Protein backbone atom coordinates (compact mmCIF):
# COMPACT_ATOMS: atom_id res chain seq x y z
CA MET A 1 15.71 -24.12 -6.17
CA ARG A 2 17.14 -20.71 -5.43
CA ILE A 3 20.11 -19.55 -7.48
CA LEU A 4 22.30 -16.53 -6.76
CA VAL A 5 23.74 -15.17 -10.01
CA ILE A 6 26.80 -12.89 -9.89
CA ASP A 7 28.02 -10.96 -12.94
CA THR A 8 31.00 -8.62 -12.78
CA ALA A 9 32.68 -9.37 -16.12
CA THR A 10 32.01 -5.94 -17.67
CA GLN A 11 31.46 -2.36 -16.49
CA ALA A 12 28.05 -3.53 -15.27
CA LEU A 13 27.55 -4.99 -11.83
CA SER A 14 24.63 -7.38 -11.89
CA VAL A 15 23.30 -9.79 -9.28
CA ALA A 16 20.03 -11.67 -9.17
CA LEU A 17 18.30 -14.09 -6.83
CA LEU A 18 16.22 -16.53 -8.84
CA ASP A 19 13.56 -18.77 -7.33
CA ASP A 20 12.66 -21.53 -9.82
CA ALA A 21 13.98 -19.25 -12.57
CA VAL A 22 11.86 -16.28 -11.48
CA PRO A 23 13.78 -13.20 -10.24
CA VAL A 24 12.83 -12.35 -6.64
CA GLY A 25 15.64 -9.81 -6.29
CA HIS A 26 17.82 -8.00 -8.81
CA PHE A 27 20.50 -5.31 -9.05
CA HIS A 28 22.03 -4.05 -12.29
CA GLU A 29 24.10 -0.88 -12.58
CA ILE A 30 27.02 0.41 -14.64
CA VAL A 31 29.71 0.84 -11.96
CA GLY A 32 32.83 0.99 -14.14
CA ARG A 33 35.63 -0.26 -11.90
CA GLY A 34 33.65 -0.12 -8.65
CA HIS A 35 32.80 -3.84 -8.41
CA ALA A 36 34.93 -4.52 -5.33
CA GLU A 37 33.12 -1.89 -3.26
CA ALA A 38 29.59 -2.49 -4.57
CA LEU A 39 29.30 -6.26 -5.02
CA LEU A 40 28.79 -7.49 -1.45
CA PRO A 41 26.36 -4.70 -0.52
CA ALA A 42 24.35 -5.52 -3.68
CA ILE A 43 24.17 -9.17 -2.65
CA ALA A 44 23.30 -8.31 0.94
CA ALA A 45 20.39 -6.14 -0.29
CA LEU A 46 18.76 -9.13 -2.01
CA PRO A 47 15.99 -11.04 -0.20
CA ASP A 48 17.48 -13.18 2.63
CA GLY A 49 20.84 -11.61 1.95
CA GLY A 50 21.06 -13.52 -1.34
CA ARG A 51 21.05 -16.90 0.43
CA ALA A 52 20.56 -19.60 -2.20
CA ASP A 53 20.86 -23.29 -2.97
CA MET A 54 23.42 -22.72 -5.73
CA ILE A 55 25.59 -19.91 -7.10
CA ALA A 56 26.29 -19.16 -10.77
CA VAL A 57 29.07 -16.70 -11.59
CA ASP A 58 30.20 -15.11 -14.86
CA VAL A 59 33.72 -16.40 -15.58
CA GLY A 60 34.37 -14.17 -18.58
CA PRO A 61 35.91 -13.26 -20.83
CA GLY A 62 35.81 -9.63 -19.84
CA SER A 63 37.50 -7.36 -17.33
CA PHE A 64 40.37 -9.30 -15.73
CA THR A 65 39.77 -7.56 -12.38
CA GLY A 66 36.00 -7.75 -12.56
CA VAL A 67 35.98 -11.46 -13.36
CA ARG A 68 38.33 -12.23 -10.52
CA ILE A 69 36.26 -10.18 -8.03
CA GLY A 70 33.07 -12.00 -8.98
CA ILE A 71 34.64 -15.45 -8.78
CA ALA A 72 36.34 -14.72 -5.44
CA ALA A 73 33.07 -13.55 -3.88
CA ALA A 74 31.16 -16.51 -5.31
CA ARG A 75 33.73 -19.01 -4.00
CA ALA A 76 33.61 -17.44 -0.54
CA LEU A 77 29.84 -17.52 -0.36
CA ALA A 78 29.61 -21.05 -1.76
CA LEU A 79 32.06 -22.23 0.88
CA ALA A 80 30.31 -20.39 3.70
CA TRP A 81 26.90 -21.70 2.69
CA SER A 82 28.12 -25.18 1.63
CA ILE A 83 26.40 -24.98 -1.74
CA PRO A 84 27.44 -25.79 -5.33
CA LEU A 85 29.16 -23.17 -7.48
CA HIS A 86 29.12 -23.13 -11.30
CA GLY A 87 30.42 -20.76 -13.93
CA TYR A 88 28.88 -19.44 -17.13
CA GLY A 89 30.21 -17.42 -20.06
CA ALA A 90 29.64 -13.70 -20.53
CA LEU A 91 29.40 -14.00 -24.30
CA SER A 92 26.82 -16.82 -24.05
CA LEU A 93 24.62 -14.78 -21.76
CA ILE A 94 24.60 -11.80 -24.10
CA ALA A 95 23.93 -14.07 -27.08
CA ALA A 96 20.92 -15.63 -25.36
CA ARG A 97 19.51 -12.17 -24.64
CA ALA A 98 20.15 -11.07 -28.22
CA ALA A 99 18.23 -14.10 -29.48
CA GLN A 100 15.15 -12.82 -27.65
CA GLU A 101 15.22 -9.85 -30.03
CA ASP A 102 15.92 -11.88 -33.20
CA ALA A 103 15.83 -15.65 -33.03
CA LEU A 104 16.24 -16.23 -36.78
CA GLN A 105 19.70 -14.77 -37.49
CA PRO A 106 23.19 -15.90 -36.46
CA ILE A 107 24.52 -13.81 -33.56
CA ALA A 108 27.91 -12.12 -33.12
CA VAL A 109 28.79 -10.91 -29.63
CA THR A 110 31.68 -8.66 -28.63
CA ILE A 111 32.94 -7.42 -25.27
CA THR A 112 35.41 -4.58 -24.84
CA GLY A 113 38.88 -5.95 -24.12
CA GLY A 114 42.21 -4.30 -23.51
CA HIS A 115 45.04 -3.07 -25.74
CA GLY A 116 42.71 -2.31 -28.64
CA GLU A 117 41.19 -5.79 -28.72
CA LEU A 118 37.67 -7.19 -28.45
CA PHE A 119 36.57 -10.45 -26.93
CA TRP A 120 34.13 -12.09 -29.31
CA GLN A 121 32.24 -15.25 -30.25
CA SER A 122 29.76 -16.27 -32.95
CA PHE A 123 26.56 -18.19 -32.27
CA ALA A 124 23.97 -19.93 -34.41
CA ALA A 125 20.44 -18.57 -34.59
CA GLY A 126 18.81 -18.96 -31.20
CA GLY A 127 21.94 -17.92 -29.36
CA LEU A 128 22.67 -21.16 -27.51
CA VAL A 129 24.93 -23.02 -29.96
CA ALA A 130 28.42 -21.54 -30.24
CA GLU A 131 29.97 -21.65 -33.71
CA THR A 132 33.38 -20.41 -32.56
CA GLN A 133 35.43 -20.44 -29.37
CA PRO A 134 35.74 -17.25 -27.32
CA ALA A 135 38.68 -15.21 -28.66
CA SER A 136 40.43 -11.85 -28.27
CA THR A 137 41.27 -10.07 -31.53
CA PRO A 138 42.48 -6.57 -32.43
CA ILE A 139 39.57 -4.41 -33.52
CA ALA A 140 41.00 -3.78 -36.99
CA GLY A 141 41.48 -7.48 -37.65
CA LEU A 142 38.04 -8.41 -36.33
CA ALA A 143 36.45 -5.68 -38.51
CA SER A 144 37.58 -7.56 -41.60
CA GLU A 145 36.73 -10.99 -40.20
CA LEU A 146 33.25 -10.57 -38.68
CA SER A 147 30.62 -9.74 -41.28
CA ASN A 148 27.37 -10.01 -39.25
CA ALA A 149 25.17 -6.99 -39.90
CA PRO A 150 24.01 -6.58 -36.27
CA VAL A 151 26.69 -6.96 -33.61
CA TYR A 152 25.78 -7.24 -29.92
CA GLY A 153 27.63 -6.51 -26.70
CA THR A 154 29.74 -3.80 -25.08
CA GLY A 155 32.25 -3.81 -27.92
CA ALA A 156 29.69 -3.60 -30.71
CA GLU A 157 29.99 0.15 -31.28
CA ALA A 158 33.78 0.06 -31.56
CA LEU A 159 33.63 -2.78 -34.08
CA ILE A 160 30.92 -1.19 -36.24
CA THR A 161 32.80 2.13 -36.19
CA ALA A 162 35.99 0.38 -37.37
CA ARG A 163 34.10 -1.60 -39.99
CA GLY A 164 32.03 1.30 -41.34
CA HIS A 165 28.79 -0.65 -41.74
CA GLY A 166 26.26 -2.65 -39.75
CA THR A 167 24.30 -2.00 -36.57
CA ALA A 168 25.75 -1.88 -33.06
CA LEU A 169 23.44 -3.10 -30.29
CA THR A 170 25.10 -2.48 -26.95
CA LEU A 171 24.18 -5.13 -24.40
CA TYR A 172 25.69 -5.81 -20.97
CA PRO A 173 25.39 -9.21 -19.24
CA ASP A 174 22.41 -9.16 -16.91
CA ALA A 175 22.23 -11.73 -14.08
CA ARG A 176 18.47 -12.07 -14.31
CA ASP A 177 18.87 -13.51 -17.84
CA PHE A 178 20.59 -16.60 -16.45
CA PRO A 179 17.51 -18.82 -17.00
CA LEU A 180 18.03 -18.31 -20.75
CA ILE A 181 21.27 -20.35 -20.58
CA ALA A 182 20.45 -22.63 -17.65
CA GLY A 183 20.34 -25.62 -20.01
CA LEU A 184 23.95 -25.17 -21.14
CA PRO A 185 26.67 -27.29 -19.51
CA PRO A 186 28.07 -25.43 -16.49
CA LEU A 187 31.62 -24.12 -16.68
CA PRO A 188 34.27 -24.45 -13.94
CA PRO A 189 34.36 -21.42 -11.64
CA SER A 190 37.70 -20.30 -13.07
CA PRO A 191 38.43 -17.23 -15.21
CA ILE A 192 38.33 -17.34 -19.01
CA TYR A 193 40.93 -14.82 -20.17
CA CYS A 194 41.38 -15.60 -23.90
CA ARG A 195 44.78 -13.92 -23.73
CA GLY A 196 47.65 -13.35 -21.31
CA ALA A 197 47.17 -11.26 -18.24
CA ASP A 198 48.23 -7.61 -18.44
CA ALA A 199 50.46 -7.94 -15.37
CA ARG A 200 53.18 -10.52 -14.80
CA PRO A 201 54.68 -11.64 -11.50
CA MET A 202 57.89 -9.79 -10.60
CA ALA A 203 59.94 -13.02 -10.89
CA GLU A 204 58.95 -13.31 -14.58
CA ARG A 205 60.04 -9.72 -15.28
CA VAL A 206 63.49 -9.95 -13.70
CA GLN A 207 66.13 -10.50 -16.36
CA PRO A 208 68.79 -13.14 -15.53
């Protein structure tokens, strides 16, 4: 079974081609907002152009634009290749990686959001069992709510700075870590936003 994994939920662009859970091709780079230009070339550079038996795509939460770009590309390829498409959560993938470093402690994961907020979720030791739902919370509020000493993810440094104690361990989702969460129930290939979109359709902004 070959799986193409696409991850564009954060500033990192990450794709991996897994053959029976073993990476046979991988790309991971911090591209900021350059996902739209870099994603398809990164996939094309994989062995066999990334051709797989299934696609897994990060559905967020994370960058609104990045998540949508990844899902759109995954849907197009799944349709073209007539293969299944499943989603997975950005926070779950980071938690599973964090558990490889410390499997005995509960895990708190944060991802940089917008408007001074962080996406976050808490997991039991081992990183696979979620103890809370994904949420978006202002940094100041989360600093008083989340007490874990180590905090993982792209928002970890901002949270620890606001809180004044603990250890920030910056981790980006990495597509080649997908086998760590392969046993979790797949998610629909639709975005997880955790809060309203920044932009609203013009019709919603027009006052009667």
